[in-house]
Protein backbone atom coordinates (compact mmCIF):
# COMPACT_ATOMS: atom_id res chain seq x y z
CA UNK A 1 0.00 0.00 0.00
CA UNK A 2 2.90 2.33 0.71
CA UNK A 3 4.23 1.86 -2.83
CA UNK A 4 0.82 2.82 -4.23
CA UNK A 5 0.74 5.93 -2.01
CA UNK A 6 4.22 6.98 -3.11
CA UNK A 7 3.32 6.56 -6.77
CA UNK A 8 0.13 8.58 -6.37
CA UNK A 9 2.05 11.45 -4.76
CA UNK A 10 3.92 11.94 -8.03
CA UNK A 11 0.95 11.30 -10.35
CA UNK A 12 -2.16 13.30 -9.62
CA UNK A 13 -5.49 13.32 -11.40
CA UNK A 14 -7.53 10.54 -12.95
CA UNK A 15 -6.16 7.01 -13.24
CA UNK A 16 -7.14 3.37 -13.62
CA UNK A 17 -5.55 0.36 -11.94
CA UNK A 18 -3.77 -0.50 -15.20
CA UNK A 19 -2.31 3.01 -15.45
CA UNK A 20 -1.14 2.80 -11.84
CA UNK A 21 0.55 -0.56 -12.45
CA UNK A 22 2.40 0.95 -15.42
CA UNK A 23 3.52 3.96 -13.34
CA UNK A 24 4.85 1.61 -10.64
CA UNK A 25 6.63 -0.63 -13.15
CA UNK A 26 8.44 2.42 -14.59
CA UNK A 27 9.88 3.29 -11.18
CA UNK A 28 10.44 -0.17 -9.68
CA UNK A 29 11.19 -3.40 -11.57
CA UNK A 30 8.71 -5.60 -9.70
CA UNK A 31 6.09 -8.07 -10.82
CA UNK A 32 2.71 -6.46 -10.22
CA UNK A 33 -0.77 -6.89 -11.65
CA UNK A 34 -4.01 -4.94 -11.53
CA UNK A 35 -5.44 -7.61 -9.27
CA UNK A 36 -2.45 -7.18 -6.95
CA UNK A 37 -3.24 -3.52 -6.27
CA UNK A 38 -7.00 -3.83 -5.99
CA UNK A 39 -6.92 -4.21 -2.19
CA UNK A 40 -4.62 -1.20 -1.61
CA UNK A 41 -6.88 0.87 -3.88
CA UNK A 42 -9.92 -0.23 -1.87
CA UNK A 43 -8.15 0.74 1.37
CA UNK A 44 -7.21 4.16 -0.02
CA UNK A 45 -10.84 4.72 -1.03
CA UNK A 46 -12.01 3.90 2.48
CA UNK A 47 -9.40 6.28 3.95
CA UNK A 48 -10.57 9.07 1.62
CA UNK A 49 -7.26 9.48 -0.21
CA UNK A 50 -8.73 8.55 -3.60
CA UNK A 51 -12.25 8.57 -4.99
CA UNK A 52 -14.01 6.25 -7.41
CA UNK A 53 -15.18 8.54 -10.20
CA UNK A 54 -16.61 6.01 -12.61
CA UNK A 55 -17.38 2.36 -11.89
CA UNK A 56 -16.16 0.01 -14.58
CA UNK A 57 -18.24 -2.64 -16.26
CA UNK A 58 -17.07 -5.48 -18.47
CA UNK A 59 -13.93 -4.35 -20.28
CA UNK A 60 -14.26 -0.78 -19.03
CA UNK A 61 -12.05 -0.26 -15.94
CA UNK A 62 -12.84 1.70 -12.79
CA UNK A 63 -11.68 5.32 -12.98
CA UNK A 64 -10.21 6.84 -9.82
CA UNK A 65 -9.26 10.39 -8.80
CA UNK A 66 -6.39 11.29 -6.46
CA UNK A 67 -7.70 13.80 -3.93
PDB file of N, CA and C in Angstrom:
ATOM      1  N   UNK A   1       0.834  -1.190   0.000  1.00  0.00           N
ATOM      2  CA  UNK A   1       0.000   0.000   0.000  1.00  0.00           C
ATOM      3  C   UNK A   1       0.877   1.251   0.000  1.00  0.00           C
ATOM      4  N   UNK A   2       2.011   1.169   0.659  1.00  0.00           N
ATOM      5  CA  UNK A   2       2.898   2.331   0.711  1.00  0.00           C
ATOM      6  C   UNK A   2       3.462   2.663  -0.666  1.00  0.00           C
ATOM      7  N   UNK A   3       3.737   1.636  -1.468  1.00  0.00           N
ATOM      8  CA  UNK A   3       4.227   1.861  -2.829  1.00  0.00           C
ATOM      9  C   UNK A   3       3.170   2.556  -3.680  1.00  0.00           C
ATOM     10  N   UNK A   4       1.921   2.175  -3.510  1.00  0.00           N
ATOM     11  CA  UNK A   4       0.820   2.821  -4.235  1.00  0.00           C
ATOM     12  C   UNK A   4       0.697   4.279  -3.804  1.00  0.00           C
ATOM     13  N   UNK A   5       0.798   4.544  -2.514  1.00  0.00           N
ATOM     14  CA  UNK A   5       0.738   5.929  -2.009  1.00  0.00           C
ATOM     15  C   UNK A   5       1.860   6.779  -2.584  1.00  0.00           C
ATOM     16  N   UNK A   6       3.083   6.241  -2.588  1.00  0.00           N
ATOM     17  CA  UNK A   6       4.221   6.980  -3.114  1.00  0.00           C
ATOM     18  C   UNK A   6       4.047   7.298  -4.591  1.00  0.00           C
ATOM     19  N   UNK A   7       3.543   6.350  -5.344  1.00  0.00           N
ATOM     20  CA  UNK A   7       3.323   6.560  -6.771  1.00  0.00           C
ATOM     21  C   UNK A   7       2.258   7.619  -7.003  1.00  0.00           C
ATOM     22  N   UNK A   8       1.201   7.600  -6.208  1.00  0.00           N
ATOM     23  CA  UNK A   8       0.129   8.578  -6.372  1.00  0.00           C
ATOM     24  C   UNK A   8       0.557   9.988  -5.971  1.00  0.00           C
ATOM     25  N   UNK A   9       1.565  10.122  -5.115  1.00  0.00           N
ATOM     26  CA  UNK A   9       2.054  11.451  -4.757  1.00  0.00           C
ATOM     27  C   UNK A   9       2.662  12.148  -5.963  1.00  0.00           C
ATOM     28  N   UNK A  10       3.264  11.370  -6.859  1.00  0.00           N
ATOM     29  CA  UNK A  10       3.918  11.936  -8.034  1.00  0.00           C
ATOM     30  C   UNK A  10       2.980  12.041  -9.238  1.00  0.00           C
ATOM     31  N   UNK A  11       1.891  11.317  -9.222  1.00  0.00           N
ATOM     32  CA  UNK A  11       0.947  11.297 -10.351  1.00  0.00           C
ATOM     33  C   UNK A  11      -0.440  11.650  -9.836  1.00  0.00           C
ATOM     34  N   UNK A  12      -0.852  12.848 -10.090  1.00  0.00           N
ATOM     35  CA  UNK A  12      -2.165  13.296  -9.624  1.00  0.00           C
ATOM     36  C   UNK A  12      -3.176  13.265 -10.766  1.00  0.00           C
ATOM     37  N   UNK A  13      -4.439  13.290 -10.404  1.00  0.00           N
ATOM     38  CA  UNK A  13      -5.495  13.325 -11.395  1.00  0.00           C
ATOM     39  C   UNK A  13      -6.194  11.990 -11.522  1.00  0.00           C
ATOM     40  N   UNK A  14      -6.760  11.756 -12.687  1.00  0.00           N
ATOM     41  CA  UNK A  14      -7.528  10.543 -12.955  1.00  0.00           C
ATOM     42  C   UNK A  14      -6.591   9.399 -13.320  1.00  0.00           C
ATOM     43  N   UNK A  15      -6.956   8.185 -12.904  1.00  0.00           N
ATOM     44  CA  UNK A  15      -6.157   7.011 -13.244  1.00  0.00           C
ATOM     45  C   UNK A  15      -7.011   5.758 -13.115  1.00  0.00           C
ATOM     46  N   UNK A  16      -6.550   4.702 -13.762  1.00  0.00           N
ATOM     47  CA  UNK A  16      -7.141   3.372 -13.622  1.00  0.00           C
ATOM     48  C   UNK A  16      -6.103   2.483 -12.953  1.00  0.00           C
ATOM     49  N   UNK A  17      -6.498   1.291 -12.559  1.00  0.00           N
ATOM     50  CA  UNK A  17      -5.555   0.357 -11.943  1.00  0.00           C
ATOM     51  C   UNK A  17      -4.447   0.006 -12.930  1.00  0.00           C
ATOM     52  N   UNK A  18      -4.778  -0.165 -14.177  1.00  0.00           N
ATOM     53  CA  UNK A  18      -3.775  -0.496 -15.196  1.00  0.00           C
ATOM     54  C   UNK A  18      -2.754   0.627 -15.343  1.00  0.00           C
ATOM     55  N   UNK A  19      -3.222   1.876 -15.354  1.00  0.00           N
ATOM     56  CA  UNK A  19      -2.310   3.011 -15.449  1.00  0.00           C
ATOM     57  C   UNK A  19      -1.392   3.050 -14.239  1.00  0.00           C
ATOM     58  N   UNK A  20      -1.929   2.784 -13.066  1.00  0.00           N
ATOM     59  CA  UNK A  20      -1.145   2.804 -11.840  1.00  0.00           C
ATOM     60  C   UNK A  20      -0.076   1.712 -11.856  1.00  0.00           C
ATOM     61  N   UNK A  21      -0.425   0.532 -12.336  1.00  0.00           N
ATOM     62  CA  UNK A  21       0.550  -0.556 -12.447  1.00  0.00           C
ATOM     63  C   UNK A  21       1.689  -0.142 -13.376  1.00  0.00           C
ATOM     64  N   UNK A  22       1.366   0.503 -14.486  1.00  0.00           N
ATOM     65  CA  UNK A  22       2.400   0.948 -15.423  1.00  0.00           C
ATOM     66  C   UNK A  22       3.298   2.008 -14.798  1.00  0.00           C
ATOM     67  N   UNK A  23       2.723   2.948 -14.038  1.00  0.00           N
ATOM     68  CA  UNK A  23       3.525   3.957 -13.342  1.00  0.00           C
ATOM     69  C   UNK A  23       4.496   3.289 -12.375  1.00  0.00           C
ATOM     70  N   UNK A  24       4.012   2.295 -11.626  1.00  0.00           N
ATOM     71  CA  UNK A  24       4.852   1.607 -10.641  1.00  0.00           C
ATOM     72  C   UNK A  24       5.963   0.831 -11.334  1.00  0.00           C
ATOM     73  N   UNK A  25       5.632   0.155 -12.429  1.00  0.00           N
ATOM     74  CA  UNK A  25       6.634  -0.631 -13.149  1.00  0.00           C
ATOM     75  C   UNK A  25       7.733   0.251 -13.743  1.00  0.00           C
ATOM     76  N   UNK A  26       7.419   1.500 -14.065  1.00  0.00           N
ATOM     77  CA  UNK A  26       8.439   2.417 -14.585  1.00  0.00           C
ATOM     78  C   UNK A  26       9.447   2.793 -13.514  1.00  0.00           C
ATOM     79  N   UNK A  27       8.995   2.873 -12.263  1.00  0.00           N
ATOM     80  CA  UNK A  27       9.883   3.291 -11.179  1.00  0.00           C
ATOM     81  C   UNK A  27      10.567   2.125 -10.480  1.00  0.00           C
ATOM     82  N   UNK A  28       9.887   0.992 -10.381  1.00  0.00           N
ATOM     83  CA  UNK A  28      10.444  -0.168  -9.675  1.00  0.00           C
ATOM     84  C   UNK A  28      10.244  -1.420 -10.521  1.00  0.00           C
ATOM     85  N   UNK A  29      11.311  -2.169 -10.768  1.00  0.00           N
ATOM     86  CA  UNK A  29      11.189  -3.396 -11.570  1.00  0.00           C
ATOM     87  C   UNK A  29      10.632  -4.565 -10.746  1.00  0.00           C
ATOM     88  N   UNK A  30       9.335  -4.523 -10.473  1.00  0.00           N
ATOM     89  CA  UNK A  30       8.710  -5.597  -9.705  1.00  0.00           C
ATOM     90  C   UNK A  30       7.572  -6.200 -10.519  1.00  0.00           C
ATOM     91  N   UNK A  31       7.206  -7.400 -10.167  1.00  0.00           N
ATOM     92  CA  UNK A  31       6.088  -8.069 -10.816  1.00  0.00           C
ATOM     93  C   UNK A  31       4.806  -7.658 -10.105  1.00  0.00           C
ATOM     94  N   UNK A  32       3.935  -6.980 -10.819  1.00  0.00           N
ATOM     95  CA  UNK A  32       2.710  -6.460 -10.219  1.00  0.00           C
ATOM     96  C   UNK A  32       1.587  -6.527 -11.233  1.00  0.00           C
ATOM     97  N   UNK A  33       0.383  -6.833 -10.765  1.00  0.00           N
ATOM     98  CA  UNK A  33      -0.775  -6.892 -11.645  1.00  0.00           C
ATOM     99  C   UNK A  33      -1.864  -5.973 -11.117  1.00  0.00           C
ATOM    100  N   UNK A  34      -2.861  -5.744 -11.953  1.00  0.00           N
ATOM    101  CA  UNK A  34      -4.009  -4.935 -11.528  1.00  0.00           C
ATOM    102  C   UNK A  34      -4.701  -5.584 -10.341  1.00  0.00           C
ATOM    103  N   UNK A  35      -4.805  -6.881 -10.364  1.00  0.00           N
ATOM    104  CA  UNK A  35      -5.440  -7.608  -9.266  1.00  0.00           C
ATOM    105  C   UNK A  35      -4.634  -7.442  -7.982  1.00  0.00           C
ATOM    106  N   UNK A  36      -3.315  -7.321  -8.104  1.00  0.00           N
ATOM    107  CA  UNK A  36      -2.448  -7.183  -6.952  1.00  0.00           C
ATOM    108  C   UNK A  36      -2.583  -5.850  -6.233  1.00  0.00           C
ATOM    109  N   UNK A  37      -3.083  -4.815  -6.927  1.00  0.00           N
ATOM    110  CA  UNK A  37      -3.238  -3.516  -6.274  1.00  0.00           C
ATOM    111  C   UNK A  37      -4.693  -3.185  -5.969  1.00  0.00           C
ATOM    112  N   UNK A  38      -5.584  -4.117  -6.226  1.00  0.00           N
ATOM    113  CA  UNK A  38      -7.000  -3.828  -5.985  1.00  0.00           C
ATOM    114  C   UNK A  38      -7.295  -3.601  -4.500  1.00  0.00           C
ATOM    115  N   UNK A  39      -6.672  -4.387  -3.628  1.00  0.00           N
ATOM    116  CA  UNK A  39      -6.918  -4.214  -2.194  1.00  0.00           C
ATOM    117  C   UNK A  39      -6.345  -2.891  -1.669  1.00  0.00           C
ATOM    118  N   UNK A  40      -5.105  -2.520  -2.026  1.00  0.00           N
ATOM    119  CA  UNK A  40      -4.622  -1.196  -1.605  1.00  0.00           C
ATOM    120  C   UNK A  40      -5.489  -0.055  -2.132  1.00  0.00           C
ATOM    121  N   UNK A  41      -5.998  -0.179  -3.351  1.00  0.00           N
ATOM    122  CA  UNK A  41      -6.885   0.865  -3.877  1.00  0.00           C
ATOM    123  C   UNK A  41      -8.172   0.939  -3.059  1.00  0.00           C
ATOM    124  N   UNK A  42      -8.703  -0.201  -2.693  1.00  0.00           N
ATOM    125  CA  UNK A  42      -9.918  -0.234  -1.872  1.00  0.00           C
ATOM    126  C   UNK A  42      -9.660   0.436  -0.528  1.00  0.00           C
ATOM    127  N   UNK A  43      -8.500   0.126   0.084  1.00  0.00           N
ATOM    128  CA  UNK A  43      -8.145   0.741   1.370  1.00  0.00           C
ATOM    129  C   UNK A  43      -8.012   2.256   1.239  1.00  0.00           C
ATOM    130  N   UNK A  44      -7.379   2.722   0.183  1.00  0.00           N
ATOM    131  CA  UNK A  44      -7.207   4.164  -0.020  1.00  0.00           C
ATOM    132  C   UNK A  44      -8.549   4.859  -0.237  1.00  0.00           C
ATOM    133  N   UNK A  45      -9.479   4.164  -0.877  1.00  0.00           N
ATOM    134  CA  UNK A  45     -10.839   4.724  -1.030  1.00  0.00           C
ATOM    135  C   UNK A  45     -11.500   4.871   0.323  1.00  0.00           C
ATOM    136  N   UNK A  46     -11.394   3.862   1.156  1.00  0.00           N
ATOM    137  CA  UNK A  46     -12.013   3.903   2.483  1.00  0.00           C
ATOM    138  C   UNK A  46     -11.384   4.982   3.367  1.00  0.00           C
ATOM    139  N   UNK A  47     -10.095   5.244   3.187  1.00  0.00           N
ATOM    140  CA  UNK A  47      -9.403   6.282   3.952  1.00  0.00           C
ATOM    141  C   UNK A  47      -9.651   7.683   3.400  1.00  0.00           C
ATOM    142  N   UNK A  48     -10.260   7.770   2.210  1.00  0.00           N
ATOM    143  CA  UNK A  48     -10.573   9.065   1.621  1.00  0.00           C
ATOM    144  C   UNK A  48      -9.423   9.705   0.857  1.00  0.00           C
ATOM    145  N   UNK A  49      -8.394   8.931   0.526  1.00  0.00           N
ATOM    146  CA  UNK A  49      -7.261   9.478  -0.212  1.00  0.00           C
ATOM    147  C   UNK A  49      -7.499   9.486  -1.714  1.00  0.00           C
ATOM    148  N   UNK A  50      -8.329   8.563  -2.189  1.00  0.00           N
ATOM    149  CA  UNK A  50      -8.727   8.547  -3.599  1.00  0.00           C
ATOM    150  C   UNK A  50     -10.240   8.398  -3.653  1.00  0.00           C
ATOM    151  N   UNK A  51     -10.804   8.689  -4.820  1.00  0.00           N
ATOM    152  CA  UNK A  51     -12.250   8.575  -4.989  1.00  0.00           C
ATOM    153  C   UNK A  51     -12.546   7.808  -6.269  1.00  0.00           C
ATOM    154  N   UNK A  52     -13.546   6.960  -6.228  1.00  0.00           N
ATOM    155  CA  UNK A  52     -14.013   6.248  -7.410  1.00  0.00           C
ATOM    156  C   UNK A  52     -14.900   7.207  -8.189  1.00  0.00           C
ATOM    157  N   UNK A  53     -14.447   7.574  -9.380  1.00  0.00           N
ATOM    158  CA  UNK A  53     -15.175   8.537 -10.199  1.00  0.00           C
ATOM    159  C   UNK A  53     -16.181   7.834 -11.098  1.00  0.00           C
ATOM    160  N   UNK A  54     -15.752   6.736 -11.683  1.00  0.00           N
ATOM    161  CA  UNK A  54     -16.613   6.006 -12.606  1.00  0.00           C
ATOM    162  C   UNK A  54     -16.400   4.514 -12.411  1.00  0.00           C
ATOM    163  N   UNK A  55     -17.458   3.801 -12.093  1.00  0.00           N
ATOM    164  CA  UNK A  55     -17.377   2.363 -11.892  1.00  0.00           C
ATOM    165  C   UNK A  55     -17.285   1.658 -13.229  1.00  0.00           C
ATOM    166  N   UNK A  56     -16.346   0.757 -13.335  1.00  0.00           N
ATOM    167  CA  UNK A  56     -16.164   0.013 -14.575  1.00  0.00           C
ATOM    168  C   UNK A  56     -17.191  -1.086 -14.732  1.00  0.00           C
ATOM    169  N   UNK A  57     -17.307  -1.545 -15.969  1.00  0.00           N
ATOM    170  CA  UNK A  57     -18.235  -2.636 -16.255  1.00  0.00           C
ATOM    171  C   UNK A  57     -17.714  -3.375 -17.476  1.00  0.00           C
ATOM    172  N   UNK A  58     -17.587  -4.695 -17.348  1.00  0.00           N
ATOM    173  CA  UNK A  58     -17.073  -5.476 -18.467  1.00  0.00           C
ATOM    174  C   UNK A  58     -15.612  -5.155 -18.728  1.00  0.00           C
ATOM    175  N   UNK A  59     -15.312  -4.691 -19.928  1.00  0.00           N
ATOM    176  CA  UNK A  59     -13.927  -4.348 -20.277  1.00  0.00           C
ATOM    177  C   UNK A  59     -13.550  -2.932 -19.870  1.00  0.00           C
ATOM    178  N   UNK A  60     -14.522  -2.157 -19.436  1.00  0.00           N
ATOM    179  CA  UNK A  60     -14.259  -0.781 -19.034  1.00  0.00           C
ATOM    180  C   UNK A  60     -13.788  -0.762 -17.581  1.00  0.00           C
ATOM    181  N   UNK A  61     -12.580  -0.231 -17.308  1.00  0.00           N
ATOM    182  CA  UNK A  61     -12.047  -0.265 -15.937  1.00  0.00           C
ATOM    183  C   UNK A  61     -12.618   0.837 -15.055  1.00  0.00           C
ATOM    184  N   UNK A  62     -12.480   0.650 -13.745  1.00  0.00           N
ATOM    185  CA  UNK A  62     -12.842   1.695 -12.791  1.00  0.00           C
ATOM    186  C   UNK A  62     -11.934   2.897 -13.017  1.00  0.00           C
ATOM    187  N   UNK A  63     -12.473   4.101 -12.860  1.00  0.00           N
ATOM    188  CA  UNK A  63     -11.682   5.316 -12.984  1.00  0.00           C
ATOM    189  C   UNK A  63     -11.635   5.960 -11.605  1.00  0.00           C
ATOM    190  N   UNK A  64     -10.423   6.268 -11.131  1.00  0.00           N
ATOM    191  CA  UNK A  64     -10.212   6.844  -9.818  1.00  0.00           C
ATOM    192  C   UNK A  64      -9.692   8.273  -9.954  1.00  0.00           C
ATOM    193  N   UNK A  65      -9.780   9.027  -8.861  1.00  0.00           N
ATOM    194  CA  UNK A  65      -9.256  10.387  -8.801  1.00  0.00           C
ATOM    195  C   UNK A  65      -8.453  10.525  -7.523  1.00  0.00           C
ATOM    196  N   UNK A  66      -7.226  11.012  -7.640  1.00  0.00           N
ATOM    197  CA  UNK A  66      -6.393  11.286  -6.464  1.00  0.00           C
ATOM    198  C   UNK A  66      -6.844  12.599  -5.877  1.00  0.00           C
ATOM    199  N   UNK A  67      -7.231  12.605  -4.597  1.00  0.00           N
ATOM    200  CA  UNK A  67      -7.698  13.801  -3.929  1.00  0.00           C
ATOM    201  C   UNK A  67      -6.558  14.590  -3.334  1.00  0.00           C
TER     202      UNK A  67
END
